């Protein structure tokens, strides 16, 4: 039960009871997402059970369900769109009102969870036999990354700069390389993560406290980055992104500063240089299906990103590791340990 980043308690609650069209899932693995430790985003709804990157085993099937059975190994999406509204019809599934209202209960950091009928219809994927539960927890975060790069229009040969080398940044590095990007630069303030960026495919890792635009230009034949991907909520990164993007380039805001924070923008410079600003939030069902396919084909190395595996009782430790952003990459909670 999450109260804040430094107060995550192990509490007893009844195993959820399911009704018609619902599933009961025994959670085997649940990843801690960077968004889980954004206190400005999470504390306002506390206390609650968080966790949305989950895989598990179906242990009970509600009346009326024929496509799943007890024992199936599955990934379950926490938020699903309606697939019929104006936003869904125009490809903006993550702006759908339904997506922001749907969830499984109580949350992924629990032994069992109930999956509602709409989540069963649009948010359950069977895991391939050869895919581990741990690997399956990357379906959601990787789906978000794939969606972001698709919206940014990233194409072969482009120079990419990833600001922030946490788990999202490292996935962006790998996906960009897999999609044929040219040089890929990465930044961070932590030496541990800079080394991780290089290990997962960045051609150059730059200390975020350095003059990043100058370093990119120096290492890229005098040009800045065609695509800049912001994977940190640090306000300074926004200004850094604007100064690091080349003429005709795109800045993808995969992460943003806290709500209410205003950042000054020199619109004349963006206008004159035809800079495109793109945001990306969450993942749609087709992004998750694509993510599963990418993972199944082994195009992205996620196994080596897992640095910690903790039992449910140590979820608080996991939150402190992720919030500290020092020597961890992916922290997996295993509720059945």
Foldseek 3Di string as FASTA:
>chain_A
DDQALQDDADDDDDQDDDEALKWKWFWFKFWDDLVNHPCLNPNVPPPAAETFLTKTFTQDHYPPDDPDDGGFTKTFGFFAAPCPDPCNVVPNRVVHPRRVVGGWPRYNLARMIMHHNVRSVQTMDTAPPPDDRVLSSCLFLLLLLVQLCVQQVQAAAFEEEEEDQFQSSLSNQLVSVLRHYHAYEYEDQAPQSLVVSVVSHHPYYDYPVDLVLVVQCVVPVNFAGQEYEYPDADLVVVVSQVSRHGQNHEYEDADHHRPPDDHDDPVVVCVVRVYHYHYTDTHHSVSSVVSSVCVVVVSGDDVVLADEEEESRCVSVVSCVSNVPYNHHMYMYGPVD
